[in-house]
N, C-alpha and C. Protein backbone atom coordinates (compact mmCIF):
# COMPACT_ATOMS: atom_id res chain seq x y z
N MET A 1 -30.90 27.85 42.66
CA MET A 1 -30.39 27.63 44.00
C MET A 1 -30.87 26.28 44.55
N HIS A 2 -32.07 25.87 44.14
CA HIS A 2 -32.63 24.62 44.65
C HIS A 2 -31.73 23.42 44.33
N GLY A 3 -31.21 23.37 43.10
CA GLY A 3 -30.31 22.28 42.70
C GLY A 3 -29.03 22.28 43.52
N LEU A 4 -28.48 23.46 43.77
CA LEU A 4 -27.27 23.57 44.56
C LEU A 4 -27.51 23.05 45.98
N ILE A 5 -28.61 23.44 46.58
CA ILE A 5 -28.91 23.00 47.96
C ILE A 5 -28.99 21.48 48.03
N GLY A 6 -29.63 20.86 47.05
CA GLY A 6 -29.71 19.40 47.03
C GLY A 6 -28.34 18.75 46.95
N GLU A 7 -27.47 19.30 46.11
CA GLU A 7 -26.11 18.77 45.98
C GLU A 7 -25.33 18.95 47.27
N LEU A 8 -25.50 20.10 47.92
CA LEU A 8 -24.80 20.35 49.19
C LEU A 8 -25.27 19.38 50.27
N ARG A 9 -26.58 19.14 50.33
CA ARG A 9 -27.11 18.20 51.33
C ARG A 9 -26.54 16.80 51.14
N THR A 10 -26.37 16.41 49.89
CA THR A 10 -25.80 15.08 49.61
C THR A 10 -24.39 14.97 50.17
N VAL A 11 -23.57 15.99 49.96
CA VAL A 11 -22.19 15.97 50.47
C VAL A 11 -22.19 15.99 51.99
N VAL A 12 -22.94 16.92 52.58
CA VAL A 12 -22.96 17.06 54.04
C VAL A 12 -23.50 15.79 54.70
N GLY A 13 -24.48 15.16 54.06
CA GLY A 13 -25.10 13.95 54.60
C GLY A 13 -24.17 12.76 54.65
N ARG A 14 -23.03 12.83 53.99
CA ARG A 14 -22.07 11.72 54.02
C ARG A 14 -21.38 11.59 55.38
N GLY A 15 -21.42 12.66 56.19
CA GLY A 15 -20.85 12.60 57.54
C GLY A 15 -19.34 12.44 57.57
N LEU A 16 -18.67 13.04 56.62
CA LEU A 16 -17.21 12.95 56.55
C LEU A 16 -16.54 13.94 57.51
N ALA A 17 -15.24 13.84 57.64
CA ALA A 17 -14.48 14.77 58.48
C ALA A 17 -14.72 16.20 58.01
N PRO A 18 -14.70 17.16 58.93
CA PRO A 18 -14.99 18.55 58.56
C PRO A 18 -14.12 19.12 57.44
N ASP A 19 -12.82 18.87 57.45
CA ASP A 19 -11.97 19.44 56.39
C ASP A 19 -12.27 18.81 55.04
N LEU A 20 -12.58 17.53 55.01
CA LEU A 20 -12.94 16.86 53.75
C LEU A 20 -14.31 17.35 53.27
N THR A 21 -15.24 17.51 54.21
CA THR A 21 -16.56 18.04 53.85
C THR A 21 -16.43 19.41 53.21
N ALA A 22 -15.63 20.29 53.82
CA ALA A 22 -15.43 21.64 53.28
C ALA A 22 -14.86 21.60 51.87
N ALA A 23 -13.88 20.73 51.64
CA ALA A 23 -13.28 20.62 50.31
C ALA A 23 -14.29 20.12 49.28
N LEU A 24 -15.07 19.11 49.64
CA LEU A 24 -16.07 18.57 48.72
C LEU A 24 -17.20 19.56 48.46
N VAL A 25 -17.60 20.31 49.49
CA VAL A 25 -18.62 21.34 49.30
C VAL A 25 -18.10 22.40 48.33
N GLY A 26 -16.83 22.76 48.43
CA GLY A 26 -16.24 23.70 47.48
C GLY A 26 -16.31 23.20 46.06
N GLU A 27 -16.05 21.90 45.87
CA GLU A 27 -16.14 21.32 44.52
C GLU A 27 -17.56 21.37 43.98
N VAL A 28 -18.55 21.17 44.85
CA VAL A 28 -19.96 21.25 44.43
C VAL A 28 -20.34 22.69 44.11
N LEU A 29 -19.84 23.62 44.89
CA LEU A 29 -20.17 25.04 44.73
C LEU A 29 -19.60 25.63 43.44
N ALA A 30 -18.40 25.23 43.08
CA ALA A 30 -17.66 25.87 41.97
C ALA A 30 -18.46 26.01 40.68
N PRO A 31 -19.11 24.97 40.17
CA PRO A 31 -19.79 25.14 38.88
C PRO A 31 -20.99 26.08 38.92
N HIS A 32 -21.50 26.36 40.09
CA HIS A 32 -22.67 27.24 40.22
C HIS A 32 -22.28 28.72 40.27
N LEU A 33 -21.02 29.01 40.54
CA LEU A 33 -20.60 30.39 40.78
C LEU A 33 -20.73 31.29 39.56
N GLN A 34 -20.61 30.74 38.37
CA GLN A 34 -20.66 31.55 37.17
C GLN A 34 -22.08 31.72 36.62
N SER A 35 -23.05 31.15 37.31
CA SER A 35 -24.44 31.24 36.85
C SER A 35 -24.96 32.66 36.99
N ALA A 36 -25.49 33.21 35.89
CA ALA A 36 -26.01 34.57 35.90
C ALA A 36 -27.23 34.73 36.81
N ASP A 37 -27.98 33.66 37.01
CA ASP A 37 -29.19 33.76 37.84
C ASP A 37 -28.98 33.17 39.24
N LEU A 38 -27.74 33.10 39.69
CA LEU A 38 -27.43 32.56 41.01
C LEU A 38 -28.10 33.36 42.12
N LEU A 39 -28.08 34.68 42.00
CA LEU A 39 -28.63 35.57 43.03
C LEU A 39 -29.65 36.53 42.43
N THR A 40 -30.62 36.90 43.23
CA THR A 40 -31.56 37.93 42.79
C THR A 40 -30.87 39.29 42.87
N GLU A 41 -31.49 40.28 42.28
CA GLU A 41 -30.94 41.63 42.34
C GLU A 41 -30.80 42.10 43.79
N ALA A 42 -31.80 41.81 44.62
CA ALA A 42 -31.77 42.22 46.03
C ALA A 42 -30.64 41.55 46.79
N GLN A 43 -30.28 40.33 46.42
CA GLN A 43 -29.22 39.60 47.11
C GLN A 43 -27.82 40.05 46.70
N GLN A 44 -27.75 41.02 45.78
CA GLN A 44 -26.47 41.55 45.33
C GLN A 44 -26.22 42.98 45.81
N VAL A 45 -27.07 43.45 46.71
CA VAL A 45 -26.98 44.82 47.21
C VAL A 45 -26.03 44.87 48.41
N GLY A 46 -25.08 45.79 48.36
CA GLY A 46 -24.13 45.98 49.45
C GLY A 46 -24.60 47.03 50.43
N ASP A 47 -23.74 47.35 51.39
CA ASP A 47 -24.00 48.35 52.42
C ASP A 47 -22.77 49.25 52.47
N PRO A 48 -22.94 50.57 52.42
CA PRO A 48 -21.76 51.44 52.40
C PRO A 48 -20.94 51.40 53.69
N ASP A 49 -21.52 50.91 54.79
CA ASP A 49 -20.81 50.92 56.07
C ASP A 49 -19.95 49.67 56.32
N CYS A 50 -20.39 48.52 55.84
CA CYS A 50 -19.62 47.28 56.03
C CYS A 50 -20.16 46.22 55.08
N TYR A 51 -19.40 45.14 54.92
CA TYR A 51 -19.87 44.09 54.02
C TYR A 51 -21.24 43.60 54.49
N ARG A 52 -22.03 43.13 53.55
CA ARG A 52 -23.41 42.75 53.86
C ARG A 52 -23.62 41.26 53.66
N GLN A 53 -24.34 40.67 54.60
CA GLN A 53 -24.64 39.24 54.56
C GLN A 53 -26.10 39.04 54.16
N HIS A 54 -26.32 38.23 53.12
CA HIS A 54 -27.67 37.83 52.70
C HIS A 54 -27.81 36.33 52.94
N LEU A 55 -28.66 35.95 53.87
CA LEU A 55 -28.89 34.53 54.12
C LEU A 55 -29.73 33.98 52.98
N LEU A 56 -29.20 32.97 52.27
CA LEU A 56 -29.89 32.37 51.14
C LEU A 56 -30.61 31.09 51.53
N HIS A 57 -30.05 30.37 52.50
CA HIS A 57 -30.64 29.10 52.91
C HIS A 57 -30.05 28.66 54.25
N ALA A 58 -30.88 28.06 55.09
CA ALA A 58 -30.42 27.42 56.32
C ALA A 58 -31.27 26.18 56.54
N ASP A 59 -30.61 25.01 56.61
CA ASP A 59 -31.34 23.78 56.91
C ASP A 59 -31.81 23.82 58.36
N GLN A 60 -33.03 23.36 58.58
CA GLN A 60 -33.60 23.39 59.93
C GLN A 60 -32.83 22.52 60.91
N ASP A 61 -32.15 21.49 60.41
CA ASP A 61 -31.39 20.62 61.32
C ASP A 61 -30.03 21.21 61.69
N GLY A 62 -29.70 22.39 61.18
CA GLY A 62 -28.45 23.06 61.52
C GLY A 62 -27.23 22.53 60.79
N SER A 63 -27.43 21.66 59.80
CA SER A 63 -26.29 21.03 59.14
C SER A 63 -25.61 21.91 58.11
N LEU A 64 -26.32 22.90 57.57
CA LEU A 64 -25.68 23.79 56.61
C LEU A 64 -26.47 25.07 56.41
N SER A 65 -25.73 26.11 56.07
CA SER A 65 -26.29 27.41 55.71
C SER A 65 -25.55 27.92 54.48
N VAL A 66 -26.25 28.69 53.66
CA VAL A 66 -25.63 29.31 52.49
C VAL A 66 -25.88 30.81 52.60
N VAL A 67 -24.81 31.58 52.49
CA VAL A 67 -24.86 33.02 52.66
C VAL A 67 -24.14 33.67 51.49
N ALA A 68 -24.71 34.76 50.97
CA ALA A 68 -24.00 35.60 50.00
C ALA A 68 -23.45 36.80 50.76
N LEU A 69 -22.17 37.05 50.61
CA LEU A 69 -21.55 38.23 51.20
C LEU A 69 -21.24 39.22 50.08
N VAL A 70 -21.68 40.45 50.27
CA VAL A 70 -21.47 41.51 49.29
C VAL A 70 -20.50 42.51 49.90
N TRP A 71 -19.40 42.71 49.21
CA TRP A 71 -18.31 43.56 49.69
C TRP A 71 -18.12 44.72 48.73
N LEU A 72 -18.23 45.93 49.21
CA LEU A 72 -17.87 47.09 48.40
C LEU A 72 -16.35 47.25 48.46
N PRO A 73 -15.75 47.98 47.52
CA PRO A 73 -14.28 48.11 47.52
C PRO A 73 -13.75 48.55 48.88
N GLY A 74 -12.71 47.86 49.33
CA GLY A 74 -12.06 48.19 50.60
C GLY A 74 -12.67 47.55 51.84
N GLN A 75 -13.87 47.00 51.75
CA GLN A 75 -14.50 46.40 52.92
C GLN A 75 -13.87 45.05 53.23
N GLY A 76 -13.85 44.71 54.52
CA GLY A 76 -13.27 43.45 54.92
C GLY A 76 -13.67 43.06 56.32
N THR A 77 -13.16 41.92 56.74
CA THR A 77 -13.44 41.39 58.06
C THR A 77 -12.28 41.70 59.00
N SER A 78 -12.51 41.46 60.27
CA SER A 78 -11.41 41.41 61.22
C SER A 78 -10.77 40.02 61.09
N ILE A 79 -9.67 39.79 61.76
CA ILE A 79 -9.08 38.45 61.79
C ILE A 79 -9.98 37.60 62.69
N HIS A 80 -10.42 36.45 62.14
CA HIS A 80 -11.40 35.64 62.88
C HIS A 80 -11.26 34.17 62.52
N ASP A 81 -11.96 33.33 63.30
CA ASP A 81 -12.10 31.93 62.95
C ASP A 81 -13.58 31.57 63.01
N HIS A 82 -13.91 30.31 62.79
CA HIS A 82 -15.30 29.92 62.60
C HIS A 82 -15.76 28.84 63.57
N LEU A 83 -17.08 28.75 63.70
CA LEU A 83 -17.72 27.74 64.53
C LEU A 83 -17.70 26.36 63.89
N SER A 84 -17.61 26.32 62.57
CA SER A 84 -17.72 25.06 61.84
C SER A 84 -16.89 25.12 60.57
N TRP A 85 -16.92 24.02 59.81
CA TRP A 85 -16.27 24.04 58.50
C TRP A 85 -16.94 25.08 57.62
N CYS A 86 -16.23 25.51 56.61
CA CYS A 86 -16.76 26.52 55.69
C CYS A 86 -16.15 26.31 54.31
N ALA A 87 -16.95 26.54 53.30
CA ALA A 87 -16.45 26.58 51.92
C ALA A 87 -16.92 27.89 51.31
N THR A 88 -16.05 28.54 50.58
CA THR A 88 -16.41 29.81 49.96
C THR A 88 -16.06 29.78 48.48
N GLY A 89 -16.80 30.58 47.73
CA GLY A 89 -16.54 30.71 46.30
C GLY A 89 -16.85 32.12 45.85
N VAL A 90 -16.03 32.66 45.00
CA VAL A 90 -16.23 34.03 44.50
C VAL A 90 -17.15 33.99 43.28
N HIS A 91 -18.22 34.75 43.36
CA HIS A 91 -19.19 34.88 42.27
C HIS A 91 -18.84 36.07 41.37
N LEU A 92 -18.41 37.17 41.97
CA LEU A 92 -18.18 38.41 41.25
C LEU A 92 -17.06 39.18 41.93
N GLY A 93 -16.22 39.84 41.16
CA GLY A 93 -15.19 40.70 41.73
C GLY A 93 -13.98 39.93 42.21
N GLN A 94 -13.29 40.52 43.16
CA GLN A 94 -12.03 39.96 43.64
C GLN A 94 -11.96 40.09 45.16
N GLU A 95 -11.58 39.02 45.81
CA GLU A 95 -11.38 39.04 47.26
C GLU A 95 -9.96 38.61 47.59
N SER A 96 -9.40 39.24 48.59
CA SER A 96 -8.09 38.83 49.09
C SER A 96 -8.28 38.22 50.46
N GLU A 97 -7.49 37.20 50.74
CA GLU A 97 -7.57 36.51 52.02
C GLU A 97 -6.17 36.34 52.57
N VAL A 98 -5.99 36.64 53.85
CA VAL A 98 -4.75 36.36 54.54
C VAL A 98 -5.08 35.31 55.60
N ARG A 99 -4.34 34.20 55.57
CA ARG A 99 -4.52 33.13 56.56
C ARG A 99 -3.42 33.22 57.61
N TYR A 100 -3.78 32.85 58.83
CA TYR A 100 -2.87 32.95 59.96
C TYR A 100 -2.84 31.65 60.75
N ARG A 101 -1.78 31.52 61.53
CA ARG A 101 -1.75 30.48 62.55
C ARG A 101 -1.38 31.15 63.86
N LEU A 102 -1.87 30.59 64.93
CA LEU A 102 -1.63 31.09 66.27
C LEU A 102 -0.38 30.43 66.82
N VAL A 103 0.58 31.23 67.29
CA VAL A 103 1.81 30.67 67.85
C VAL A 103 2.06 31.24 69.23
N PRO A 104 2.61 30.42 70.14
CA PRO A 104 2.97 30.92 71.46
C PRO A 104 4.09 31.95 71.33
N ASP A 105 4.08 32.92 72.23
CA ASP A 105 5.10 33.97 72.19
C ASP A 105 5.39 34.42 73.62
N GLY A 106 6.23 33.66 74.32
CA GLY A 106 6.64 34.04 75.66
C GLY A 106 5.50 34.18 76.65
N GLY A 107 4.63 33.20 76.75
CA GLY A 107 3.52 33.25 77.69
C GLY A 107 2.25 33.86 77.11
N THR A 108 2.35 34.49 75.97
CA THR A 108 1.16 35.00 75.27
C THR A 108 1.07 34.29 73.92
N ALA A 109 0.45 34.92 73.00
CA ALA A 109 0.36 34.35 71.65
C ALA A 109 0.34 35.49 70.64
N ARG A 110 0.69 35.14 69.43
CA ARG A 110 0.59 36.10 68.32
C ARG A 110 0.18 35.33 67.07
N LEU A 111 -0.22 36.06 66.08
CA LEU A 111 -0.64 35.47 64.82
C LEU A 111 0.47 35.63 63.79
N VAL A 112 0.72 34.57 63.05
CA VAL A 112 1.72 34.60 61.99
C VAL A 112 0.99 34.34 60.67
N ALA A 113 1.16 35.22 59.73
CA ALA A 113 0.55 35.03 58.41
C ALA A 113 1.20 33.84 57.72
N THR A 114 0.37 32.94 57.19
CA THR A 114 0.88 31.74 56.53
C THR A 114 0.66 31.76 55.02
N GLY A 115 -0.14 32.69 54.56
CA GLY A 115 -0.39 32.78 53.12
C GLY A 115 -1.34 33.90 52.79
N GLU A 116 -1.19 34.44 51.61
CA GLU A 116 -2.12 35.45 51.11
C GLU A 116 -2.58 35.03 49.73
N PHE A 117 -3.87 35.11 49.51
CA PHE A 117 -4.47 34.61 48.29
C PHE A 117 -5.38 35.68 47.70
N VAL A 118 -5.36 35.80 46.38
CA VAL A 118 -6.30 36.66 45.67
C VAL A 118 -7.26 35.72 44.95
N ASN A 119 -8.52 35.82 45.30
CA ASN A 119 -9.55 34.91 44.77
C ASN A 119 -10.38 35.64 43.72
N GLU A 120 -10.37 35.10 42.52
CA GLU A 120 -11.10 35.66 41.39
C GLU A 120 -12.41 34.89 41.20
N PRO A 121 -13.33 35.38 40.36
CA PRO A 121 -14.58 34.66 40.12
C PRO A 121 -14.35 33.20 39.74
N GLY A 122 -15.11 32.33 40.39
CA GLY A 122 -15.01 30.90 40.14
C GLY A 122 -14.09 30.17 41.09
N SER A 123 -13.24 30.91 41.81
CA SER A 123 -12.32 30.23 42.73
C SER A 123 -13.06 29.83 44.01
N VAL A 124 -12.65 28.70 44.57
CA VAL A 124 -13.26 28.19 45.80
C VAL A 124 -12.16 27.78 46.78
N CYS A 125 -12.51 27.75 48.04
CA CYS A 125 -11.62 27.20 49.06
C CYS A 125 -12.49 26.65 50.18
N GLY A 126 -11.91 25.77 50.96
CA GLY A 126 -12.62 25.20 52.09
C GLY A 126 -11.67 25.02 53.24
N PHE A 127 -12.18 25.14 54.46
CA PHE A 127 -11.35 24.98 55.64
C PHE A 127 -12.23 24.60 56.83
N ALA A 128 -11.57 24.15 57.88
CA ALA A 128 -12.27 23.74 59.08
C ALA A 128 -11.42 24.07 60.29
N PRO A 129 -12.07 24.35 61.42
CA PRO A 129 -11.31 24.58 62.64
C PRO A 129 -10.48 23.35 62.98
N PRO A 130 -9.30 23.51 63.53
CA PRO A 130 -8.74 24.74 64.07
C PRO A 130 -7.90 25.54 63.08
N GLY A 131 -7.74 25.12 61.85
CA GLY A 131 -6.86 25.81 60.91
C GLY A 131 -7.57 26.82 60.05
N ASP A 132 -8.43 27.64 60.64
CA ASP A 132 -9.28 28.51 59.83
C ASP A 132 -9.22 29.98 60.22
N ILE A 133 -8.11 30.43 60.75
CA ILE A 133 -7.97 31.83 61.13
C ILE A 133 -7.62 32.63 59.88
N HIS A 134 -8.41 33.65 59.60
CA HIS A 134 -8.16 34.43 58.40
C HIS A 134 -8.81 35.81 58.45
N LEU A 135 -8.46 36.61 57.48
CA LEU A 135 -9.03 37.93 57.23
C LEU A 135 -9.37 37.97 55.75
N VAL A 136 -10.54 38.49 55.42
CA VAL A 136 -10.98 38.56 54.02
C VAL A 136 -11.34 40.01 53.71
N ARG A 137 -10.99 40.47 52.51
CA ARG A 137 -11.36 41.83 52.12
C ARG A 137 -11.54 41.92 50.60
N ASN A 138 -12.29 42.91 50.19
CA ASN A 138 -12.43 43.21 48.78
C ASN A 138 -11.23 44.09 48.41
N SER A 139 -10.32 43.52 47.68
CA SER A 139 -9.11 44.24 47.29
C SER A 139 -9.23 44.83 45.89
N GLY A 140 -10.40 44.69 45.29
CA GLY A 140 -10.61 45.21 43.94
C GLY A 140 -11.21 46.60 43.95
N THR A 141 -11.59 47.06 42.77
CA THR A 141 -12.15 48.41 42.61
C THR A 141 -13.65 48.38 42.35
N SER A 142 -14.25 47.19 42.35
CA SER A 142 -15.69 47.07 42.14
C SER A 142 -16.27 46.14 43.21
N THR A 143 -17.57 46.03 43.23
CA THR A 143 -18.24 45.16 44.19
C THR A 143 -17.78 43.72 44.01
N ALA A 144 -17.59 43.03 45.14
CA ALA A 144 -17.27 41.61 45.13
C ALA A 144 -18.40 40.87 45.83
N ILE A 145 -18.75 39.71 45.32
CA ILE A 145 -19.79 38.88 45.93
C ILE A 145 -19.26 37.46 46.03
N SER A 146 -19.40 36.88 47.21
CA SER A 146 -18.97 35.49 47.40
C SER A 146 -20.07 34.72 48.10
N LEU A 147 -20.11 33.42 47.83
CA LEU A 147 -21.03 32.51 48.51
C LEU A 147 -20.24 31.75 49.55
N HIS A 148 -20.83 31.63 50.73
CA HIS A 148 -20.21 30.93 51.85
C HIS A 148 -21.19 29.86 52.30
N VAL A 149 -20.69 28.64 52.41
CA VAL A 149 -21.48 27.52 52.90
C VAL A 149 -20.86 27.09 54.22
N TYR A 150 -21.67 27.08 55.27
CA TYR A 150 -21.21 26.75 56.61
C TYR A 150 -21.88 25.48 57.11
N GLY A 151 -21.18 24.76 57.95
CA GLY A 151 -21.74 23.57 58.59
C GLY A 151 -22.44 23.92 59.88
N ALA A 152 -23.24 24.97 59.86
CA ALA A 152 -23.99 25.44 61.03
C ALA A 152 -25.16 26.28 60.55
N ASP A 153 -26.12 26.50 61.40
CA ASP A 153 -27.29 27.32 61.06
C ASP A 153 -27.02 28.77 61.46
N VAL A 154 -26.53 29.57 60.52
CA VAL A 154 -26.23 30.96 60.84
C VAL A 154 -27.49 31.81 61.01
N SER A 155 -28.64 31.32 60.57
CA SER A 155 -29.88 32.07 60.81
C SER A 155 -30.20 32.06 62.30
N ARG A 156 -29.86 30.99 62.96
CA ARG A 156 -30.10 30.87 64.39
C ARG A 156 -28.95 31.45 65.21
N LEU A 157 -27.73 31.25 64.75
CA LEU A 157 -26.54 31.70 65.47
C LEU A 157 -26.23 33.18 65.25
N GLY A 158 -26.68 33.72 64.12
CA GLY A 158 -26.42 35.12 63.80
C GLY A 158 -25.13 35.35 63.05
N SER A 159 -24.18 34.43 63.19
CA SER A 159 -22.88 34.57 62.54
C SER A 159 -22.19 33.21 62.54
N SER A 160 -21.22 33.08 61.66
CA SER A 160 -20.39 31.87 61.64
C SER A 160 -19.10 32.08 62.42
N VAL A 161 -18.87 33.28 62.89
CA VAL A 161 -17.62 33.63 63.56
C VAL A 161 -17.61 33.09 64.98
N ARG A 162 -16.54 32.39 65.32
CA ARG A 162 -16.35 31.91 66.69
C ARG A 162 -15.60 32.94 67.51
N ARG A 163 -14.43 33.37 67.01
CA ARG A 163 -13.60 34.33 67.74
C ARG A 163 -13.09 35.40 66.79
N VAL A 164 -12.96 36.61 67.31
CA VAL A 164 -12.26 37.69 66.62
C VAL A 164 -10.94 37.87 67.37
N TYR A 165 -9.85 37.92 66.62
CA TYR A 165 -8.52 37.99 67.22
C TYR A 165 -8.03 39.43 67.25
N GLN A 166 -7.57 39.85 68.43
CA GLN A 166 -7.02 41.18 68.62
C GLN A 166 -5.54 41.08 68.98
N LEU A 167 -4.95 39.94 68.72
CA LEU A 167 -3.55 39.70 69.03
C LEU A 167 -2.65 40.37 68.00
N PRO A 168 -1.39 40.58 68.37
CA PRO A 168 -0.45 41.08 67.35
C PRO A 168 -0.39 40.09 66.18
N ALA A 169 -0.35 40.63 64.99
CA ALA A 169 -0.30 39.79 63.79
C ALA A 169 0.84 40.21 62.90
N ASP A 170 1.64 39.25 62.49
CA ASP A 170 2.68 39.53 61.51
C ASP A 170 2.01 39.78 60.17
N GLU A 171 2.44 40.78 59.47
CA GLU A 171 1.89 41.07 58.15
C GLU A 171 2.81 40.47 57.10
N ARG A 172 2.24 40.09 56.00
CA ARG A 172 3.04 39.54 54.90
C ARG A 172 3.45 40.65 53.99
């Protein structure tokens, strides 16, 4: 993990635009995802009630955090967006993601699904606000584990989520 953190700091320290930072962080993360010793046994433990977050690292300056999310079959998030850029990579199992965009609808708003992706081990993606509204779930039959790198200190903030959306959403 120490080598990965150093590589991530190098990318983040370049001070690039958030969407470019997220993409480059994903490229740095990808080769580490298949490492058998990426996580300890304790960092791979899920929770039967909801997906579980294991904080692996948070820089004191708030520039980045690394979190392992452990998802048991069927577990997922609500539709949400983030406080900062984010890059994710699947370490184990399978995750499905539905991305949305917010559109006006006669004085209110609704969410329109713009894509659905099935992410297998080794796959990475990156995104940044405002184009980061999504829902993630374990769509497989076994435990899924993904690493998430955020451009914020989630140890201090408690979460990377900015908003949870309760608006009508078109399904794909």
